[in-house]
């Protein structure tokens, strides 16, 4: 068993360049501070990799945040959601503006396996003042539930929130 674990660890280090792929660099819950936001679905937080000064990406799990500047992505999203591309741009800018306001704020990140995605970026549920940030974005029509990320504890809850947002014409659904 020890031999298999060591071999697996060496393989992960070679593949990723980081020992953290196997080590327990985060607990089930993490209290941290937002450095800045790339968009509503990608927050930058201080590094969890010991001795590495570079901040790292935290992807908000279970949501798709609308990009404000990637026209091909917006076109595909608009078609799949049956909404106007302009609505997605407006919702994306609104959500990004809110996310930028998170800089310096303390958040709690709750993790569900896996804690890192294929790009070795953290992914988890973000809570601000006790409220689920991703769920809040979905409820207000500023993001949608990720249909490809269904193997997590909040998948059904996020999908139902999206259905309610669409029915209530919130955000992207009513612009």
C-alpha atoms as a PDB file:
ATOM      1  CA  UNK A   1       0.000   0.000   0.000  1.00  0.00           C
ATOM      2  CA  UNK A   2       2.788   2.436   0.921  1.00  0.00           C
ATOM      3  CA  UNK A   3       4.606   1.628  -2.317  1.00  0.00           C
ATOM      4  CA  UNK A   4       1.470   2.374  -4.392  1.00  0.00           C
ATOM      5  CA  UNK A   5       0.946   5.656  -2.529  1.00  0.00           C
ATOM      6  CA  UNK A   6       4.535   6.757  -3.143  1.00  0.00           C
ATOM      7  CA  UNK A   7       4.310   5.807  -6.816  1.00  0.00           C
ATOM      8  CA  UNK A   8       1.033   7.708  -7.173  1.00  0.00           C
ATOM      9  CA  UNK A   9       2.543  10.717  -5.411  1.00  0.00           C
ATOM     10  CA  UNK A  10       5.557  10.740  -7.707  1.00  0.00           C
ATOM     11  CA  UNK A  11       3.294  10.476 -10.755  1.00  0.00           C
ATOM     12  CA  UNK A  12       1.157  13.403  -9.587  1.00  0.00           C
ATOM     13  CA  UNK A  13       4.224  15.552  -8.952  1.00  0.00           C
ATOM     14  CA  UNK A  14       5.565  14.797 -12.420  1.00  0.00           C
ATOM     15  CA  UNK A  15       2.190  15.472 -14.064  1.00  0.00           C
ATOM     16  CA  UNK A  16       1.298  18.653 -12.224  1.00  0.00           C
ATOM     17  CA  UNK A  17       4.547  20.009 -10.883  1.00  0.00           C
ATOM     18  CA  UNK A  18       2.849  20.403  -7.501  1.00  0.00           C
ATOM     19  CA  UNK A  19       2.851  18.148  -4.517  1.00  0.00           C
ATOM     20  CA  UNK A  20      -0.450  19.718  -3.484  1.00  0.00           C
ATOM     21  CA  UNK A  21      -2.298  17.527  -5.961  1.00  0.00           C
ATOM     22  CA  UNK A  22      -2.021  14.777  -3.363  1.00  0.00           C
ATOM     23  CA  UNK A  23      -1.284  16.545  -0.137  1.00  0.00           C
ATOM     24  CA  UNK A  24      -4.062  17.943   1.954  1.00  0.00           C
ATOM     25  CA  UNK A  25      -3.362  21.612   1.253  1.00  0.00           C
ATOM     26  CA  UNK A  26      -6.906  22.646   2.124  1.00  0.00           C
ATOM     27  CA  UNK A  27      -9.389  21.377   4.629  1.00  0.00           C
ATOM     28  CA  UNK A  28     -13.077  20.787   3.999  1.00  0.00           C
ATOM     29  CA  UNK A  29     -13.607  24.465   4.762  1.00  0.00           C
ATOM     30  CA  UNK A  30     -11.261  27.388   4.264  1.00  0.00           C
ATOM     31  CA  UNK A  31     -11.478  30.957   5.531  1.00  0.00           C
ATOM     32  CA  UNK A  32      -9.580  33.322   3.233  1.00  0.00           C
ATOM     33  CA  UNK A  33      -9.605  36.778   1.688  1.00  0.00           C
ATOM     34  CA  UNK A  34     -10.356  37.712  -1.905  1.00  0.00           C
ATOM     35  CA  UNK A  35      -7.369  39.400  -3.570  1.00  0.00           C
ATOM     36  CA  UNK A  36      -9.343  40.293  -6.716  1.00  0.00           C
ATOM     37  CA  UNK A  37     -11.864  38.829  -9.149  1.00  0.00           C
ATOM     38  CA  UNK A  38     -11.294  37.832 -12.765  1.00  0.00           C
ATOM     39  CA  UNK A  39     -15.050  37.518 -13.214  1.00  0.00           C
ATOM     40  CA  UNK A  40     -17.993  36.450 -11.059  1.00  0.00           C
ATOM     41  CA  UNK A  41     -16.993  32.798 -11.272  1.00  0.00           C
ATOM     42  CA  UNK A  42     -13.228  33.142 -10.749  1.00  0.00           C
ATOM     43  CA  UNK A  43     -11.852  34.723  -7.605  1.00  0.00           C
ATOM     44  CA  UNK A  44      -8.156  35.180  -6.852  1.00  0.00           C
ATOM     45  CA  UNK A  45      -7.086  34.254  -3.329  1.00  0.00           C
ATOM     46  CA  UNK A  46      -3.726  34.051  -1.513  1.00  0.00           C
ATOM     47  CA  UNK A  47      -1.698  30.944  -2.351  1.00  0.00           C
ATOM     48  CA  UNK A  48      -2.260  27.798  -0.335  1.00  0.00           C
ATOM     49  CA  UNK A  49       0.989  26.332  -1.634  1.00  0.00           C
ATOM     50  CA  UNK A  50       3.514  26.781   1.142  1.00  0.00           C
ATOM     51  CA  UNK A  51       6.183  29.322   0.265  1.00  0.00           C
ATOM     52  CA  UNK A  52       4.595  30.274  -3.089  1.00  0.00           C
ATOM     53  CA  UNK A  53       3.832  34.021  -3.075  1.00  0.00           C
ATOM     54  CA  UNK A  54       1.703  33.914  -6.235  1.00  0.00           C
ATOM     55  CA  UNK A  55      -2.040  34.052  -5.575  1.00  0.00           C
ATOM     56  CA  UNK A  56      -4.174  31.301  -7.055  1.00  0.00           C
ATOM     57  CA  UNK A  57      -7.500  30.938  -8.816  1.00  0.00           C
ATOM     58  CA  UNK A  58     -10.607  29.769  -7.036  1.00  0.00           C
ATOM     59  CA  UNK A  59     -13.410  28.717  -9.357  1.00  0.00           C
ATOM     60  CA  UNK A  60     -16.883  29.033  -7.875  1.00  0.00           C
ATOM     61  CA  UNK A  61     -18.182  25.470  -8.086  1.00  0.00           C
ATOM     62  CA  UNK A  62     -21.372  24.588  -9.922  1.00  0.00           C
ATOM     63  CA  UNK A  63     -21.932  27.812 -11.868  1.00  0.00           C
ATOM     64  CA  UNK A  64     -21.191  29.310 -15.253  1.00  0.00           C
ATOM     65  CA  UNK A  65     -20.500  33.015 -14.959  1.00  0.00           C
ATOM     66  CA  UNK A  66     -21.152  34.989 -18.130  1.00  0.00           C
ATOM     67  CA  UNK A  67     -17.951  36.303 -19.707  1.00  0.00           C
ATOM     68  CA  UNK A  68     -18.123  39.940 -20.732  1.00  0.00           C
ATOM     69  CA  UNK A  69     -15.573  39.827 -23.499  1.00  0.00           C
ATOM     70  CA  UNK A  70     -15.467  36.408 -25.213  1.00  0.00           C
ATOM     71  CA  UNK A  71     -17.865  36.719 -28.114  1.00  0.00           C
ATOM     72  CA  UNK A  72     -17.701  33.074 -29.279  1.00  0.00           C
ATOM     73  CA  UNK A  73     -18.481  31.838 -25.788  1.00  0.00           C
ATOM     74  CA  UNK A  74     -21.299  34.374 -25.435  1.00  0.00           C
ATOM     75  CA  UNK A  75     -22.788  33.359 -28.775  1.00  0.00           C
ATOM     76  CA  UNK A  76     -22.801  29.681 -27.784  1.00  0.00           C
ATOM     77  CA  UNK A  77     -24.226  30.431 -24.343  1.00  0.00           C
ATOM     78  CA  UNK A  78     -26.926  32.690 -25.778  1.00  0.00           C
ATOM     79  CA  UNK A  79     -28.009  29.948 -28.179  1.00  0.00           C
ATOM     80  CA  UNK A  80     -28.024  27.214 -25.548  1.00  0.00           C
ATOM     81  CA  UNK A  81     -29.948  29.360 -23.045  1.00  0.00           C
ATOM     82  CA  UNK A  82     -32.234  30.900 -25.681  1.00  0.00           C
ATOM     83  CA  UNK A  83     -31.492  34.461 -24.541  1.00  0.00           C
ATOM     84  CA  UNK A  84     -30.079  37.476 -26.330  1.00  0.00           C
ATOM     85  CA  UNK A  85     -26.284  37.764 -26.409  1.00  0.00           C
ATOM     86  CA  UNK A  86     -26.589  41.377 -25.229  1.00  0.00           C
ATOM     87  CA  UNK A  87     -28.455  40.149 -22.129  1.00  0.00           C
ATOM     88  CA  UNK A  88     -25.531  37.869 -21.316  1.00  0.00           C
ATOM     89  CA  UNK A  89     -23.066  40.736 -21.701  1.00  0.00           C
ATOM     90  CA  UNK A  90     -25.081  42.976 -19.381  1.00  0.00           C
ATOM     91  CA  UNK A  91     -25.527  40.220 -16.795  1.00  0.00           C
ATOM     92  CA  UNK A  92     -21.821  39.362 -17.052  1.00  0.00           C
ATOM     93  CA  UNK A  93     -20.764  42.970 -16.480  1.00  0.00           C
ATOM     94  CA  UNK A  94     -23.180  43.326 -13.542  1.00  0.00           C
ATOM     95  CA  UNK A  95     -21.905  40.139 -11.898  1.00  0.00           C
ATOM     96  CA  UNK A  96     -18.265  41.034 -12.567  1.00  0.00           C
ATOM     97  CA  UNK A  97     -18.775  44.452 -10.990  1.00  0.00           C
ATOM     98  CA  UNK A  98     -20.182  42.804  -7.882  1.00  0.00           C
ATOM     99  CA  UNK A  99     -17.300  40.327  -7.816  1.00  0.00           C
ATOM    100  CA  UNK A 100     -14.733  43.126  -8.068  1.00  0.00           C
ATOM    101  CA  UNK A 101     -16.308  44.593  -4.934  1.00  0.00           C
ATOM    102  CA  UNK A 102     -15.268  41.442  -3.067  1.00  0.00           C
ATOM    103  CA  UNK A 103     -11.571  42.419  -3.073  1.00  0.00           C
ATOM    104  CA  UNK A 104     -10.344  42.469   0.509  1.00  0.00           C
ATOM    105  CA  UNK A 105     -13.454  40.716   1.842  1.00  0.00           C
ATOM    106  CA  UNK A 106     -13.269  37.570   3.856  1.00  0.00           C
ATOM    107  CA  UNK A 107     -14.975  34.488   2.401  1.00  0.00           C
ATOM    108  CA  UNK A 108     -15.472  30.908   3.430  1.00  0.00           C
ATOM    109  CA  UNK A 109     -14.851  28.243   0.818  1.00  0.00           C
ATOM    110  CA  UNK A 110     -16.472  24.840   1.287  1.00  0.00           C
ATOM    111  CA  UNK A 111     -15.005  22.046  -0.754  1.00  0.00           C
ATOM    112  CA  UNK A 112     -16.607  18.998  -2.302  1.00  0.00           C
ATOM    113  CA  UNK A 113     -14.356  16.504  -4.061  1.00  0.00           C
ATOM    114  CA  UNK A 114     -12.439  17.135  -6.139  1.00  0.00           C
ATOM    115  CA  UNK A 115     -10.920  20.238  -4.554  1.00  0.00           C
ATOM    116  CA  UNK A 116      -8.951  21.053  -7.707  1.00  0.00           C
ATOM    117  CA  UNK A 117      -9.945  20.915 -11.353  1.00  0.00           C
ATOM    118  CA  UNK A 118      -7.915  19.504 -14.244  1.00  0.00           C
ATOM    119  CA  UNK A 119      -5.935  22.775 -14.440  1.00  0.00           C
ATOM    120  CA  UNK A 120      -4.980  22.345 -10.736  1.00  0.00           C
ATOM    121  CA  UNK A 121      -7.113  25.356  -9.763  1.00  0.00           C
ATOM    122  CA  UNK A 122      -9.139  25.303  -6.570  1.00  0.00           C
ATOM    123  CA  UNK A 123     -12.887  24.873  -6.899  1.00  0.00           C
ATOM    124  CA  UNK A 124     -15.416  25.220  -4.129  1.00  0.00           C
ATOM    125  CA  UNK A 125     -18.578  26.839  -2.882  1.00  0.00           C
ATOM    126  CA  UNK A 126     -18.055  30.419  -1.772  1.00  0.00           C
ATOM    127  CA  UNK A 127     -19.924  31.866   1.194  1.00  0.00           C
ATOM    128  CA  UNK A 128     -20.035  35.558   2.002  1.00  0.00           C
ATOM    129  CA  UNK A 129     -21.615  36.557   5.304  1.00  0.00           C
ATOM    130  CA  UNK A 130     -23.108  33.065   5.499  1.00  0.00           C
ATOM    131  CA  UNK A 131     -24.766  33.272   2.064  1.00  0.00           C
ATOM    132  CA  UNK A 132     -23.951  30.947  -0.856  1.00  0.00           C
ATOM    133  CA  UNK A 133     -22.432  33.319  -3.431  1.00  0.00           C
ATOM    134  CA  UNK A 134     -22.943  31.022  -6.455  1.00  0.00           C
ATOM    135  CA  UNK A 135     -26.560  30.353  -5.532  1.00  0.00           C
ATOM    136  CA  UNK A 136     -27.148  34.090  -5.128  1.00  0.00           C
ATOM    137  CA  UNK A 137     -25.798  34.760  -8.631  1.00  0.00           C
ATOM    138  CA  UNK A 138     -28.023  32.044 -10.115  1.00  0.00           C
ATOM    139  CA  UNK A 139     -31.128  33.255  -8.252  1.00  0.00           C
ATOM    140  CA  UNK A 140     -30.615  36.759  -9.626  1.00  0.00           C
ATOM    141  CA  UNK A 141     -29.998  35.556 -13.191  1.00  0.00           C
ATOM    142  CA  UNK A 142     -26.349  36.668 -13.160  1.00  0.00           C
ATOM    143  CA  UNK A 143     -24.994  33.126 -13.672  1.00  0.00           C
ATOM    144  CA  UNK A 144     -26.414  29.716 -14.509  1.00  0.00           C
ATOM    145  CA  UNK A 145     -26.030  26.268 -13.024  1.00  0.00           C
ATOM    146  CA  UNK A 146     -23.235  24.394 -14.772  1.00  0.00           C
ATOM    147  CA  UNK A 147     -24.958  21.518 -16.613  1.00  0.00           C
ATOM    148  CA  UNK A 148     -21.675  19.600 -16.890  1.00  0.00           C
ATOM    149  CA  UNK A 149     -20.868  19.809 -13.172  1.00  0.00           C
ATOM    150  CA  UNK A 150     -23.692  17.681 -11.803  1.00  0.00           C
ATOM    151  CA  UNK A 151     -21.693  15.471  -9.465  1.00  0.00           C
ATOM    152  CA  UNK A 152     -21.714  17.766  -6.462  1.00  0.00           C
ATOM    153  CA  UNK A 153     -23.986  18.272  -3.440  1.00  0.00           C
ATOM    154  CA  UNK A 154     -25.632  21.501  -4.653  1.00  0.00           C
ATOM    155  CA  UNK A 155     -26.363  20.510  -8.287  1.00  0.00           C
ATOM    156  CA  UNK A 156     -30.127  20.026  -7.834  1.00  0.00           C
ATOM    157  CA  UNK A 157     -30.450  23.125  -5.674  1.00  0.00           C
ATOM    158  CA  UNK A 158     -28.645  25.246  -8.282  1.00  0.00           C
ATOM    159  CA  UNK A 159     -30.737  23.833 -11.141  1.00  0.00           C
ATOM    160  CA  UNK A 160     -33.994  24.596  -9.278  1.00  0.00           C
ATOM    161  CA  UNK A 161     -32.747  28.126  -8.526  1.00  0.00           C
ATOM    162  CA  UNK A 162     -32.046  28.648 -12.235  1.00  0.00           C
ATOM    163  CA  UNK A 163     -35.541  27.439 -13.160  1.00  0.00           C
ATOM    164  CA  UNK A 164     -37.063  29.895 -10.654  1.00  0.00           C
ATOM    165  CA  UNK A 165     -34.887  32.742 -11.963  1.00  0.00           C
ATOM    166  CA  UNK A 166     -36.012  32.027 -15.531  1.00  0.00           C
ATOM    167  CA  UNK A 167     -39.677  31.809 -14.477  1.00  0.00           C
ATOM    168  CA  UNK A 168     -39.362  35.103 -12.572  1.00  0.00           C
ATOM    169  CA  UNK A 169     -37.466  36.728 -15.471  1.00  0.00           C
ATOM    170  CA  UNK A 170     -34.563  37.622 -13.192  1.00  0.00           C
ATOM    171  CA  UNK A 171     -31.354  39.019 -14.662  1.00  0.00           C
ATOM    172  CA  UNK A 172     -30.427  37.478 -18.013  1.00  0.00           C
ATOM    173  CA  UNK A 173     -33.888  35.945 -18.350  1.00  0.00           C
ATOM    174  CA  UNK A 174     -35.736  39.259 -18.257  1.00  0.00           C
ATOM    175  CA  UNK A 175     -33.425  41.853 -19.752  1.00  0.00           C
END
